[in-house]
Structures are given as structure tokens and as C-alpha cells.
Amino acid sequence: MLRTCMIADYLRPYAQWRIDRPGPRNARAAIGLIDAAAYVAHLDESSRVIVRMAIAGCFALGRFNPGVEGEEIIRGWHYDDDTGGPADLLEALAASAERGLHPRPTEAESTPA
């Protein structure tokens, strides 16, 4: 399965979850996710953002997994406001996946001795 299709397939249930809930914020979020799913389904597999997600391990088990932070981004996409388009969502997901590659230092490691 194409990676772009894996991402689109991952986004659609979240859109449906928003559709099934009342309110304008849920409607706006659903539209944003539907738009993003349609956008990514037509991206080239060699698009920089797709390659970044692949390098970060988002497709390691034969399905798309954006990680915990990525899932939070998707769940909140366009819920409180409608800034950003589909490319911005993908960029945010790639950036969060890349952050997951580099463990954050613990407080003891980050404070000078």
C-alpha cells in the first residue's frame, strides 16, 4: 500500500469521529481532516514530507503511525481554529515524528553541574 494512502486512511476515521459529534468546531475539524486526507492521497510518494515521515519510522509496521504527539495533532486539527492547510498538517506530523527520533534530555542531564 502506498504511504500516502496509509496516511489518508489514518485520517479518515478521525474525520468521521468529528462528523459524528455535534457542533461547529467538530464540523470544522472534520472538514480539515477530510481535506487533508484528499490532499495527501494525491501527493507523490517521493514528496519531502512523506520521506521525512518514512525516515522517522512512521510506516515501520506496514501502516501509518504518527506517534503520540502526532495523534494529538490530528485530534486537535482545526478544532479551535482553522489556520493551516493540509500541507501544514503533514509538516507538523513530520516534525513531531522527527522529534520522537531524538530523546529529550532529562532535567538532570540538561542542568549544568
PDB file of N, CA and C in Angstrom:
ATOM      1  N   MET A   1       0.849  -1.180   0.000  1.00  0.00           N
ATOM      2  CA  MET A   1       0.000   0.000   0.000  1.00  0.00           C
ATOM      3  C   MET A   1       0.894   1.242   0.000  1.00  0.00           C
ATOM      4  N   LEU A   2       0.508   2.239  -0.751  1.00  0.00           N
ATOM      5  CA  LEU A   2       1.260   3.486  -0.807  1.00  0.00           C
ATOM      6  C   LEU A   2       1.231   4.202   0.543  1.00  0.00           C
ATOM      7  N   ARG A   3       2.337   4.813   0.882  1.00  0.00           N
ATOM      8  CA  ARG A   3       2.412   5.543   2.155  1.00  0.00           C
ATOM      9  C   ARG A   3       1.397   6.676   2.211  1.00  0.00           C
ATOM     10  N   THR A   4       1.206   7.345   1.083  1.00  0.00           N
ATOM     11  CA  THR A   4       0.235   8.443   1.062  1.00  0.00           C
ATOM     12  C   THR A   4      -1.169   7.925   1.352  1.00  0.00           C
ATOM     13  N   CYS A   5      -1.479   6.752   0.835  1.00  0.00           N
ATOM     14  CA  CYS A   5      -2.799   6.150   1.104  1.00  0.00           C
ATOM     15  C   CYS A   5      -2.924   5.725   2.562  1.00  0.00           C
ATOM     16  N   MET A   6      -1.806   5.268   3.154  1.00  0.00           N
ATOM     17  CA  MET A   6      -1.828   4.899   4.574  1.00  0.00           C
ATOM     18  C   MET A   6      -2.175   6.106   5.439  1.00  0.00           C
ATOM     19  N   ILE A   7      -1.588   7.250   5.102  1.00  0.00           N
ATOM     20  CA  ILE A   7      -1.871   8.469   5.869  1.00  0.00           C
ATOM     21  C   ILE A   7      -3.333   8.870   5.691  1.00  0.00           C
ATOM     22  N   ALA A   8      -3.805   8.860   4.443  1.00  0.00           N
ATOM     23  CA  ALA A   8      -5.206   9.223   4.173  1.00  0.00           C
ATOM     24  C   ALA A   8      -6.148   8.291   4.925  1.00  0.00           C
ATOM     25  N   ASP A   9      -5.852   6.995   4.900  1.00  0.00           N
ATOM     26  CA  ASP A   9      -6.690   6.021   5.610  1.00  0.00           C
ATOM     27  C   ASP A   9      -6.662   6.248   7.118  1.00  0.00           C
ATOM     28  N   TYR A  10      -5.562   6.745   7.638  1.00  0.00           N
ATOM     29  CA  TYR A  10      -5.454   7.034   9.062  1.00  0.00           C
ATOM     30  C   TYR A  10      -6.288   8.254   9.440  1.00  0.00           C
ATOM     31  N   LEU A  11      -6.323   9.249   8.564  1.00  0.00           N
ATOM     32  CA  LEU A  11      -7.036  10.499   8.867  1.00  0.00           C
ATOM     33  C   LEU A  11      -8.555  10.353   8.791  1.00  0.00           C
ATOM     34  N   ARG A  12      -9.045   9.528   7.877  1.00  0.00           N
ATOM     35  CA  ARG A  12     -10.498   9.441   7.641  1.00  0.00           C
ATOM     36  C   ARG A  12     -11.317   9.036   8.870  1.00  0.00           C
ATOM     37  N   PRO A  13     -10.908   8.055   9.660  1.00  0.00           N
ATOM     38  CA  PRO A  13     -11.705   7.735  10.861  1.00  0.00           C
ATOM     39  C   PRO A  13     -11.772   8.885  11.866  1.00  0.00           C
ATOM     40  N   TYR A  14     -10.705   9.670  11.952  1.00  0.00           N
ATOM     41  CA  TYR A  14     -10.743  10.839  12.838  1.00  0.00           C
ATOM     42  C   TYR A  14     -11.739  11.863  12.315  1.00  0.00           C
ATOM     43  N   ALA A  15     -11.797  12.012  11.001  1.00  0.00           N
ATOM     44  CA  ALA A  15     -12.792  12.917  10.404  1.00  0.00           C
ATOM     45  C   ALA A  15     -14.201  12.409  10.706  1.00  0.00           C
ATOM     46  N   GLN A  16     -14.411  11.112  10.544  1.00  0.00           N
ATOM     47  CA  GLN A  16     -15.730  10.530  10.822  1.00  0.00           C
ATOM     48  C   GLN A  16     -16.094  10.697  12.290  1.00  0.00           C
ATOM     49  N   TRP A  17     -15.119  10.529  13.168  1.00  0.00           N
ATOM     50  CA  TRP A  17     -15.339  10.704  14.606  1.00  0.00           C
ATOM     51  C   TRP A  17     -15.832  12.122  14.885  1.00  0.00           C
ATOM     52  N   ARG A  18     -15.257  13.114  14.191  1.00  0.00           N
ATOM     53  CA  ARG A  18     -15.698  14.502  14.357  1.00  0.00           C
ATOM     54  C   ARG A  18     -17.087  14.722  13.756  1.00  0.00           C
ATOM     55  N   ILE A  19     -17.358  14.106  12.614  1.00  0.00           N
ATOM     56  CA  ILE A  19     -18.672  14.241  11.970  1.00  0.00           C
ATOM     57  C   ILE A  19     -19.773  13.734  12.891  1.00  0.00           C
ATOM     58  N   ASP A  20     -19.485  12.676  13.623  1.00  0.00           N
ATOM     59  CA  ASP A  20     -20.479  12.048  14.494  1.00  0.00           C
ATOM     60  C   ASP A  20     -20.776  12.858  15.757  1.00  0.00           C
ATOM     61  N   ARG A  21     -20.072  13.951  15.961  1.00  0.00           N
ATOM     62  CA  ARG A  21     -20.291  14.795  17.130  1.00  0.00           C
ATOM     63  C   ARG A  21     -20.895  16.129  16.719  1.00  0.00           C
ATOM     64  N   PRO A  22     -21.793  16.653  17.543  1.00  0.00           N
ATOM     65  CA  PRO A  22     -22.438  17.928  17.181  1.00  0.00           C
ATOM     66  C   PRO A  22     -21.503  19.118  17.394  1.00  0.00           C
ATOM     67  N   GLY A  23     -21.857  20.202  16.750  1.00  0.00           N
ATOM     68  CA  GLY A  23     -21.164  21.463  16.993  1.00  0.00           C
ATOM     69  C   GLY A  23     -20.315  21.920  15.825  1.00  0.00           C
ATOM     70  N   PRO A  24     -20.186  23.230  15.714  1.00  0.00           N
ATOM     71  CA  PRO A  24     -19.428  23.799  14.597  1.00  0.00           C
ATOM     72  C   PRO A  24     -17.931  23.498  14.658  1.00  0.00           C
ATOM     73  N   ARG A  25     -17.378  23.373  15.851  1.00  0.00           N
ATOM     74  CA  ARG A  25     -15.943  23.064  15.943  1.00  0.00           C
ATOM     75  C   ARG A  25     -15.652  21.660  15.429  1.00  0.00           C
ATOM     76  N   ASN A  26     -16.542  20.722  15.737  1.00  0.00           N
ATOM     77  CA  ASN A  26     -16.366  19.365  15.215  1.00  0.00           C
ATOM     78  C   ASN A  26     -16.527  19.333  13.702  1.00  0.00           C
ATOM     79  N   ALA A  27     -17.475  20.102  13.183  1.00  0.00           N
ATOM     80  CA  ALA A  27     -17.676  20.168  11.728  1.00  0.00           C
ATOM     81  C   ALA A  27     -16.438  20.746  11.048  1.00  0.00           C
ATOM     82  N   ARG A  28     -15.896  21.821  11.617  1.00  0.00           N
ATOM     83  CA  ARG A  28     -14.697  22.443  11.048  1.00  0.00           C
ATOM     84  C   ARG A  28     -13.515  21.470  11.082  1.00  0.00           C
ATOM     85  N   ALA A  29     -13.354  20.756  12.192  1.00  0.00           N
ATOM     86  CA  ALA A  29     -12.264  19.789  12.312  1.00  0.00           C
ATOM     87  C   ALA A  29     -12.428  18.657  11.303  1.00  0.00           C
ATOM     88  N   ALA A  30     -13.656  18.179  11.132  1.00  0.00           N
ATOM     89  CA  ALA A  30     -13.917  17.102  10.167  1.00  0.00           C
ATOM     90  C   ALA A  30     -13.560  17.543   8.758  1.00  0.00           C
ATOM     91  N   ILE A  31     -13.959  18.748   8.393  1.00  0.00           N
ATOM     92  CA  ILE A  31     -13.654  19.259   7.049  1.00  0.00           C
ATOM     93  C   ILE A  31     -12.143  19.375   6.855  1.00  0.00           C
ATOM     94  N   GLY A  32     -11.449  19.861   7.860  1.00  0.00           N
ATOM     95  CA  GLY A  32      -9.994  19.974   7.767  1.00  0.00           C
ATOM     96  C   GLY A  32      -9.318  18.632   7.575  1.00  0.00           C
ATOM     97  N   LEU A  33      -9.805  17.608   8.273  1.00  0.00           N
ATOM     98  CA  LEU A  33      -9.220  16.274   8.149  1.00  0.00           C
ATOM     99  C   LEU A  33      -9.579  15.614   6.824  1.00  0.00           C
ATOM    100  N   ILE A  34     -10.808  15.817   6.366  1.00  0.00           N
ATOM    101  CA  ILE A  34     -11.209  15.284   5.055  1.00  0.00           C
ATOM    102  C   ILE A  34     -10.361  15.930   3.964  1.00  0.00           C
ATOM    103  N   ASP A  35     -10.177  17.235   4.068  1.00  0.00           N
ATOM    104  CA  ASP A  35      -9.352  17.963   3.103  1.00  0.00           C
ATOM    105  C   ASP A  35      -7.917  17.433   3.115  1.00  0.00           C
ATOM    106  N   ALA A  36      -7.374  17.203   4.298  1.00  0.00           N
ATOM    107  CA  ALA A  36      -6.007  16.689   4.414  1.00  0.00           C
ATOM    108  C   ALA A  36      -5.889  15.281   3.838  1.00  0.00           C
ATOM    109  N   ALA A  37      -6.896  14.433   4.073  1.00  0.00           N
ATOM    110  CA  ALA A  37      -6.871  13.070   3.529  1.00  0.00           C
ATOM    111  C   ALA A  37      -6.885  13.101   2.003  1.00  0.00           C
ATOM    112  N   ALA A  38      -7.707  13.963   1.427  1.00  0.00           N
ATOM    113  CA  ALA A  38      -7.765  14.082  -0.035  1.00  0.00           C
ATOM    114  C   ALA A  38      -6.442  14.619  -0.580  1.00  0.00           C
ATOM    115  N   TYR A  39      -5.877  15.587   0.103  1.00  0.00           N
ATOM    116  CA  TYR A  39      -4.608  16.188  -0.324  1.00  0.00           C
ATOM    117  C   TYR A  39      -3.481  15.160  -0.322  1.00  0.00           C
ATOM    118  N   VAL A  40      -3.332  14.447   0.789  1.00  0.00           N
ATOM    119  CA  VAL A  40      -2.214  13.510   0.906  1.00  0.00           C
ATOM    120  C   VAL A  40      -2.364  12.328  -0.047  1.00  0.00           C
ATOM    121  N   ALA A  41      -3.587  11.929  -0.337  1.00  0.00           N
ATOM    122  CA  ALA A  41      -3.805  10.801  -1.249  1.00  0.00           C
ATOM    123  C   ALA A  41      -3.283  11.102  -2.649  1.00  0.00           C
ATOM    124  N   HIS A  42      -3.150  12.381  -2.978  1.00  0.00           N
ATOM    125  CA  HIS A  42      -2.673  12.765  -4.309  1.00  0.00           C
ATOM    126  C   HIS A  42      -1.218  13.233  -4.319  1.00  0.00           C
ATOM    127  N   LEU A  43      -0.554  13.162  -3.181  1.00  0.00           N
ATOM    128  CA  LEU A  43       0.861  13.535  -3.127  1.00  0.00           C
ATOM    129  C   LEU A  43       1.715  12.433  -3.741  1.00  0.00           C
ATOM    130  N   ASP A  44       2.857  12.822  -4.230  1.00  0.00           N
ATOM    131  CA  ASP A  44       3.830  11.859  -4.739  1.00  0.00           C
ATOM    132  C   ASP A  44       4.520  11.183  -3.550  1.00  0.00           C
ATOM    133  N   GLU A  45       4.778   9.899  -3.678  1.00  0.00           N
ATOM    134  CA  GLU A  45       5.444   9.153  -2.607  1.00  0.00           C
ATOM    135  C   GLU A  45       6.823   9.724  -2.272  1.00  0.00           C
ATOM    136  N   SER A  46       7.439  10.389  -3.234  1.00  0.00           N
ATOM    137  CA  SER A  46       8.777  10.932  -3.007  1.00  0.00           C
ATOM    138  C   SER A  46       8.745  12.371  -2.492  1.00  0.00           C
ATOM    139  N   SER A  47       7.565  12.866  -2.137  1.00  0.00           N
ATOM    140  CA  SER A  47       7.464  14.208  -1.559  1.00  0.00           C
ATOM    141  C   SER A  47       8.313  14.270  -0.296  1.00  0.00           C
ATOM    142  N   ARG A  48       8.950  15.392  -0.106  1.00  0.00           N
ATOM    143  CA  ARG A  48       9.869  15.545   1.030  1.00  0.00           C
ATOM    144  C   ARG A  48       9.211  15.204   2.367  1.00  0.00           C
ATOM    145  N   VAL A  49       7.993  15.648   2.576  1.00  0.00           N
ATOM    146  CA  VAL A  49       7.320  15.417   3.854  1.00  0.00           C
ATOM    147  C   VAL A  49       7.041  13.923   4.066  1.00  0.00           C
ATOM    148  N   ILE A  50       6.719  13.202   3.005  1.00  0.00           N
ATOM    149  CA  ILE A  50       6.474  11.757   3.116  1.00  0.00           C
ATOM    150  C   ILE A  50       7.782  11.039   3.427  1.00  0.00           C
ATOM    151  N   VAL A  51       8.855  11.436   2.757  1.00  0.00           N
ATOM    152  CA  VAL A  51      10.171  10.843   3.002  1.00  0.00           C
ATOM    153  C   VAL A  51      10.610  11.109   4.438  1.00  0.00           C
ATOM    154  N   ARG A  52      10.381  12.312   4.932  1.00  0.00           N
ATOM    155  CA  ARG A  52      10.729  12.636   6.323  1.00  0.00           C
ATOM    156  C   ARG A  52       9.992  11.725   7.293  1.00  0.00           C
ATOM    157  N   MET A  53       8.705  11.497   7.057  1.00  0.00           N
ATOM    158  CA  MET A  53       7.939  10.610   7.939  1.00  0.00           C
ATOM    159  C   MET A  53       8.451   9.178   7.843  1.00  0.00           C
ATOM    160  N   ALA A  54       8.825   8.750   6.646  1.00  0.00           N
ATOM    161  CA  ALA A  54       9.352   7.395   6.473  1.00  0.00           C
ATOM    162  C   ALA A  54      10.663   7.230   7.242  1.00  0.00           C
ATOM    163  N   ILE A  55      11.552   8.191   7.125  1.00  0.00           N
ATOM    164  CA  ILE A  55      12.832   8.135   7.843  1.00  0.00           C
ATOM    165  C   ILE A  55      12.601   8.128   9.351  1.00  0.00           C
ATOM    166  N   ALA A  56      11.583   8.836   9.801  1.00  0.00           N
ATOM    167  CA  ALA A  56      11.266   8.898  11.235  1.00  0.00           C
ATOM    168  C   ALA A  56      10.579   7.630  11.737  1.00  0.00           C
ATOM    169  N   GLY A  57      10.238   6.711  10.829  1.00  0.00           N
ATOM    170  CA  GLY A  57       9.669   5.431  11.247  1.00  0.00           C
ATOM    171  C   GLY A  57       8.159   5.370  11.303  1.00  0.00           C
ATOM    172  N   CYS A  58       7.476   6.303  10.665  1.00  0.00           N
ATOM    173  CA  CYS A  58       6.012   6.342  10.730  1.00  0.00           C
ATOM    174  C   CYS A  58       5.332   5.189   9.986  1.00  0.00           C
ATOM    175  N   PHE A  59       6.079   4.461   9.157  1.00  0.00           N
ATOM    176  CA  PHE A  59       5.489   3.370   8.377  1.00  0.00           C
ATOM    177  C   PHE A  59       6.153   2.036   8.707  1.00  0.00           C
ATOM    178  N   ALA A  60       6.774   1.937   9.857  1.00  0.00           N
ATOM    179  CA  ALA A  60       7.606   0.791  10.219  1.00  0.00           C
ATOM    180  C   ALA A  60       6.867  -0.544  10.216  1.00  0.00           C
ATOM    181  N   LEU A  61       5.637  -0.577  10.569  1.00  0.00           N
ATOM    182  CA  LEU A  61       4.903  -1.844  10.681  1.00  0.00           C
ATOM    183  C   LEU A  61       3.911  -2.048   9.546  1.00  0.00           C
ATOM    184  N   GLY A  62       4.144  -1.380   8.417  1.00  0.00           N
ATOM    185  CA  GLY A  62       3.262  -1.530   7.269  1.00  0.00           C
ATOM    186  C   GLY A  62       1.972  -0.745   7.380  1.00  0.00           C
ATOM    187  N   ARG A  63       1.934   0.176   8.329  1.00  0.00           N
ATOM    188  CA  ARG A  63       0.783   1.067   8.472  1.00  0.00           C
ATOM    189  C   ARG A  63       1.307   2.391   9.001  1.00  0.00           C
ATOM    190  N   PHE A  64       0.506   3.433   8.870  1.00  0.00           N
ATOM    191  CA  PHE A  64       0.931   4.751   9.332  1.00  0.00           C
ATOM    192  C   PHE A  64       0.731   4.871  10.829  1.00  0.00           C
ATOM    193  N   ASN A  65       1.777   5.297  11.519  1.00  0.00           N
ATOM    194  CA  ASN A  65       1.705   5.544  12.953  1.00  0.00           C
ATOM    195  C   ASN A  65       2.417   6.866  13.224  1.00  0.00           C
ATOM    196  N   PRO A  66       1.653   7.935  13.500  1.00  0.00           N
ATOM    197  CA  PRO A  66       2.273   9.241  13.709  1.00  0.00           C
ATOM    198  C   PRO A  66       2.879   9.431  15.094  1.00  0.00           C
ATOM    199  N   GLY A  67       2.736   8.457  15.969  1.00  0.00           N
ATOM    200  CA  GLY A  67       3.215   8.602  17.336  1.00  0.00           C
ATOM    201  C   GLY A  67       2.199   9.337  18.193  1.00  0.00           C
ATOM    202  N   VAL A  68       2.479   9.406  19.463  1.00  0.00           N
ATOM    203  CA  VAL A  68       1.553  10.018  20.423  1.00  0.00           C
ATOM    204  C   VAL A  68       1.342  11.499  20.125  1.00  0.00           C
ATOM    205  N   GLU A  69       2.429  12.225  19.916  1.00  0.00           N
ATOM    206  CA  GLU A  69       2.304  13.659  19.641  1.00  0.00           C
ATOM    207  C   GLU A  69       1.575  13.893  18.320  1.00  0.00           C
ATOM    208  N   GLY A  70       1.876  13.074  17.317  1.00  0.00           N
ATOM    209  CA  GLY A  70       1.206  13.201  16.024  1.00  0.00           C
ATOM    210  C   GLY A  70      -0.287  12.948  16.128  1.00  0.00           C
ATOM    211  N   GLU A  71      -0.657  11.958  16.927  1.00  0.00           N
ATOM    212  CA  GLU A  71      -2.084  11.683  17.117  1.00  0.00           C
ATOM    213  C   GLU A  71      -2.776  12.863  17.789  1.00  0.00           C
ATOM    214  N   GLU A  72      -2.110  13.483  18.739  1.00  0.00           N
ATOM    215  CA  GLU A  72      -2.683  14.666  19.390  1.00  0.00           C
ATOM    216  C   GLU A  72      -2.867  15.807  18.392  1.00  0.00           C
ATOM    217  N   ILE A  73      -1.914  15.959  17.492  1.00  0.00           N
ATOM    218  CA  ILE A  73      -2.029  16.996  16.458  1.00  0.00           C
ATOM    219  C   ILE A  73      -3.252  16.720  15.590  1.00  0.00           C
ATOM    220  N   ILE A  74      -3.417  15.477  15.178  1.00  0.00           N
ATOM    221  CA  ILE A  74      -4.556  15.102  14.328  1.00  0.00           C
ATOM    222  C   ILE A  74      -5.871  15.313  15.071  1.00  0.00           C
ATOM    223  N   ARG A  75      -5.938  14.868  16.316  1.00  0.00           N
ATOM    224  CA  ARG A  75      -7.179  15.014  17.093  1.00  0.00           C
ATOM    225  C   ARG A  75      -7.593  16.472  17.258  1.00  0.00           C
ATOM    226  N   GLY A  76      -6.626  17.373  17.347  1.00  0.00           N
ATOM    227  CA  GLY A  76      -6.944  18.779  17.554  1.00  0.00           C
ATOM    228  C   GLY A  76      -6.955  19.620  16.291  1.00  0.00           C
ATOM    229  N   TRP A  77      -6.683  18.991  15.135  1.00  0.00           N
ATOM    230  CA  TRP A  77      -6.564  19.751  13.896  1.00  0.00           C
ATOM    231  C   TRP A  77      -7.850  20.502  13.573  1.00  0.00           C
ATOM    232  N   HIS A  78      -7.754  21.796  13.459  1.00  0.00           N
ATOM    233  CA  HIS A  78      -8.850  22.718  13.112  1.00  0.00           C
ATOM    234  C   HIS A  78      -9.997  22.717  14.120  1.00  0.00           C
ATOM    235  N   TYR A  79      -9.791  22.167  15.296  1.00  0.00           N
ATOM    236  CA  TYR A  79     -10.870  22.155  16.279  1.00  0.00           C
ATOM    237  C   TYR A  79     -11.090  23.546  16.873  1.00  0.00           C
ATOM    238  N   ASP A  80     -10.018  24.208  17.269  1.00  0.00           N
ATOM    239  CA  ASP A  80     -10.156  25.537  17.878  1.00  0.00           C
ATOM    240  C   ASP A  80     -10.072  26.672  16.874  1.00  0.00           C
ATOM    241  N   ASP A  81      -9.396  26.453  15.764  1.00  0.00           N
ATOM    242  CA  ASP A  81      -9.321  27.463  14.706  1.00  0.00           C
ATOM    243  C   ASP A  81      -9.051  26.755  13.383  1.00  0.00           C
ATOM    244  N   ASP A  82      -9.123  27.515  12.312  1.00  0.00           N
ATOM    245  CA  ASP A  82      -8.953  26.881  11.002  1.00  0.00           C
ATOM    246  C   ASP A  82      -7.682  27.336  10.296  1.00  0.00           C
ATOM    247  N   THR A  83      -6.691  27.727  11.078  1.00  0.00           N
ATOM    248  CA  THR A  83      -5.439  28.147  10.454  1.00  0.00           C
ATOM    249  C   THR A  83      -4.650  26.925  10.001  1.00  0.00           C
ATOM    250  N   GLY A  84      -4.017  27.056   8.864  1.00  0.00           N
ATOM    251  CA  GLY A  84      -3.202  25.969   8.328  1.00  0.00           C
ATOM    252  C   GLY A  84      -3.987  25.085   7.385  1.00  0.00           C
ATOM    253  N   GLY A  85      -3.320  24.658   6.360  1.00  0.00           N
ATOM    254  CA  GLY A  85      -3.924  23.766   5.378  1.00  0.00           C
ATOM    255  C   GLY A  85      -3.367  22.365   5.498  1.00  0.00           C
ATOM    256  N   PRO A  86      -3.731  21.495   4.574  1.00  0.00           N
ATOM    257  CA  PRO A  86      -3.266  20.109   4.619  1.00  0.00           C
ATOM    258  C   PRO A  86      -1.742  19.975   4.655  1.00  0.00           C
ATOM    259  N   ALA A  87      -1.045  20.806   3.886  1.00  0.00           N
ATOM    260  CA  ALA A  87       0.423  20.739   3.886  1.00  0.00           C
ATOM    261  C   ALA A  87       0.979  21.078   5.268  1.00  0.00           C
ATOM    262  N   ASP A  88       0.321  21.995   5.977  1.00  0.00           N
ATOM    263  CA  ASP A  88       0.755  22.363   7.328  1.00  0.00           C
ATOM    264  C   ASP A  88       0.556  21.207   8.305  1.00  0.00           C
ATOM    265  N   LEU A  89      -0.541  20.471   8.150  1.00  0.00           N
ATOM    266  CA  LEU A  89      -0.774  19.301   9.000  1.00  0.00           C
ATOM    267  C   LEU A  89       0.324  18.271   8.777  1.00  0.00           C
ATOM    268  N   LEU A  90       0.626  17.975   7.523  1.00  0.00           N
ATOM    269  CA  LEU A  90       1.668  16.988   7.230  1.00  0.00           C
ATOM    270  C   LEU A  90       3.027  17.442   7.752  1.00  0.00           C
ATOM    271  N   GLU A  91       3.313  18.711   7.605  1.00  0.00           N
ATOM    272  CA  GLU A  91       4.575  19.261   8.124  1.00  0.00           C
ATOM    273  C   GLU A  91       4.638  19.098   9.643  1.00  0.00           C
ATOM    274  N   ALA A  92       3.544  19.380  10.324  1.00  0.00           N
ATOM    275  CA  ALA A  92       3.501  19.229  11.782  1.00  0.00           C
ATOM    276  C   ALA A  92       3.689  17.769  12.185  1.00  0.00           C
ATOM    277  N   LEU A  93       3.092  16.851  11.429  1.00  0.00           N
ATOM    278  CA  LEU A  93       3.243  15.424  11.728  1.00  0.00           C
ATOM    279  C   LEU A  93       4.677  14.967  11.506  1.00  0.00           C
ATOM    280  N   ALA A  94       5.289  15.418  10.418  1.00  0.00           N
ATOM    281  CA  ALA A  94       6.682  15.050  10.146  1.00  0.00           C
ATOM    282  C   ALA A  94       7.605  15.596  11.233  1.00  0.00           C
ATOM    283  N   ALA A  95       7.389  16.841  11.618  1.00  0.00           N
ATOM    284  CA  ALA A  95       8.225  17.453  12.657  1.00  0.00           C
ATOM    285  C   ALA A  95       8.072  16.723  13.989  1.00  0.00           C
ATOM    286  N   SER A  96       6.852  16.340  14.335  1.00  0.00           N
ATOM    287  CA  SER A  96       6.653  15.631  15.607  1.00  0.00           C
ATOM    288  C   SER A  96       7.298  14.249  15.557  1.00  0.00           C
ATOM    289  N   ALA A  97       7.223  13.582  14.413  1.00  0.00           N
ATOM    290  CA  ALA A  97       7.852  12.267  14.273  1.00  0.00           C
ATOM    291  C   ALA A  97       9.371  12.389  14.372  1.00  0.00           C
ATOM    292  N   GLU A  98       9.923  13.430  13.780  1.00  0.00           N
ATOM    293  CA  GLU A  98      11.368  13.645  13.862  1.00  0.00           C
ATOM    294  C   GLU A  98      11.803  13.953  15.290  1.00  0.00           C
ATOM    295  N   ARG A  99      10.990  14.682  16.026  1.00  0.00           N
ATOM    296  CA  ARG A  99      11.313  14.946  17.440  1.00  0.00           C
ATOM    297  C   ARG A  99      11.357  13.643  18.222  1.00  0.00           C
ATOM    298  N   GLY A 100      10.518  12.700  17.835  1.00  0.00           N
ATOM    299  CA  GLY A 100      10.498  11.409  18.508  1.00  0.00           C
ATOM    300  C   GLY A 100      11.763  10.596  18.295  1.00  0.00           C
ATOM    301  N   LEU A 101      12.524  10.931  17.263  1.00  0.00           N
ATOM    302  CA  LEU A 101      13.783  10.228  16.997  1.00  0.00           C
ATOM    303  C   LEU A 101      14.885  10.632  17.964  1.00  0.00           C
ATOM    304  N   HIS A 102      14.779  11.830  18.517  1.00  0.00           N
ATOM    305  CA  HIS A 102      15.812  12.366  19.391  1.00  0.00           C
ATOM    306  C   HIS A 102      15.257  12.490  20.800  1.00  0.00           C
ATOM    307  N   PRO A 103      15.622  11.575  21.692  1.00  0.00           N
ATOM    308  CA  PRO A 103      15.097  11.657  23.059  1.00  0.00           C
ATOM    309  C   PRO A 103      15.458  12.988  23.705  1.00  0.00           C
ATOM    310  N   ARG A 104      14.508  13.527  24.416  1.00  0.00           N
ATOM    311  CA  ARG A 104      14.741  14.777  25.139  1.00  0.00           C
ATOM    312  C   ARG A 104      15.599  14.479  26.364  1.00  0.00           C
ATOM    313  N   PRO A 105      16.551  15.361  26.674  1.00  0.00           N
ATOM    314  CA  PRO A 105      17.371  15.129  27.867  1.00  0.00           C
ATOM    315  C   PRO A 105      16.522  15.258  29.125  1.00  0.00           C
ATOM    316  N   THR A 106      16.870  14.465  30.118  1.00  0.00           N
ATOM    317  CA  THR A 106      16.172  14.577  31.394  1.00  0.00           C
ATOM    318  C   THR A 106      16.619  15.863  32.066  1.00  0.00           C
ATOM    319  N   GLU A 107      15.902  16.261  33.093  1.00  0.00           N
ATOM    320  CA  GLU A 107      16.240  17.503  33.789  1.00  0.00           C
ATOM    321  C   GLU A 107      17.660  17.437  34.342  1.00  0.00           C
ATOM    322  N   ALA A 108      18.058  16.289  34.855  1.00  0.00           N
ATOM    323  CA  ALA A 108      19.404  16.140  35.415  1.00  0.00           C
ATOM    324  C   ALA A 108      20.468  16.288  34.329  1.00  0.00           C
ATOM    325  N   GLU A 109      20.169  15.815  33.113  1.00  0.00           N
ATOM    326  CA  GLU A 109      21.126  15.905  32.008  1.00  0.00           C
ATOM    327  C   GLU A 109      21.214  17.316  31.440  1.00  0.00           C
ATOM    328  N   SER A 110      20.144  18.080  31.554  1.00  0.00           N
ATOM    329  CA  SER A 110      20.121  19.398  30.924  1.00  0.00           C
ATOM    330  C   SER A 110      20.578  20.525  31.843  1.00  0.00           C
ATOM    331  N   THR A 111      20.716  20.259  33.144  1.00  0.00           N
ATOM    332  CA  THR A 111      21.170  21.313  34.055  1.00  0.00           C
ATOM    333  C   THR A 111      22.680  21.193  34.246  1.00  0.00           C
ATOM    334  N   PRO A 112      23.377  22.320  34.207  1.00  0.00           N
ATOM    335  CA  PRO A 112      24.833  22.278  34.390  1.00  0.00           C
ATOM    336  C   PRO A 112      25.198  21.836  35.801  1.00  0.00           C
ATOM    337  N   ALA A 113      26.314  21.160  35.908  1.00  0.00           N
ATOM    338  CA  ALA A 113      26.763  20.650  37.209  1.00  0.00           C
ATOM    339  C   ALA A 113      27.447  21.710  38.024  1.00  0.00           C
TER     340      ALA A 113
END
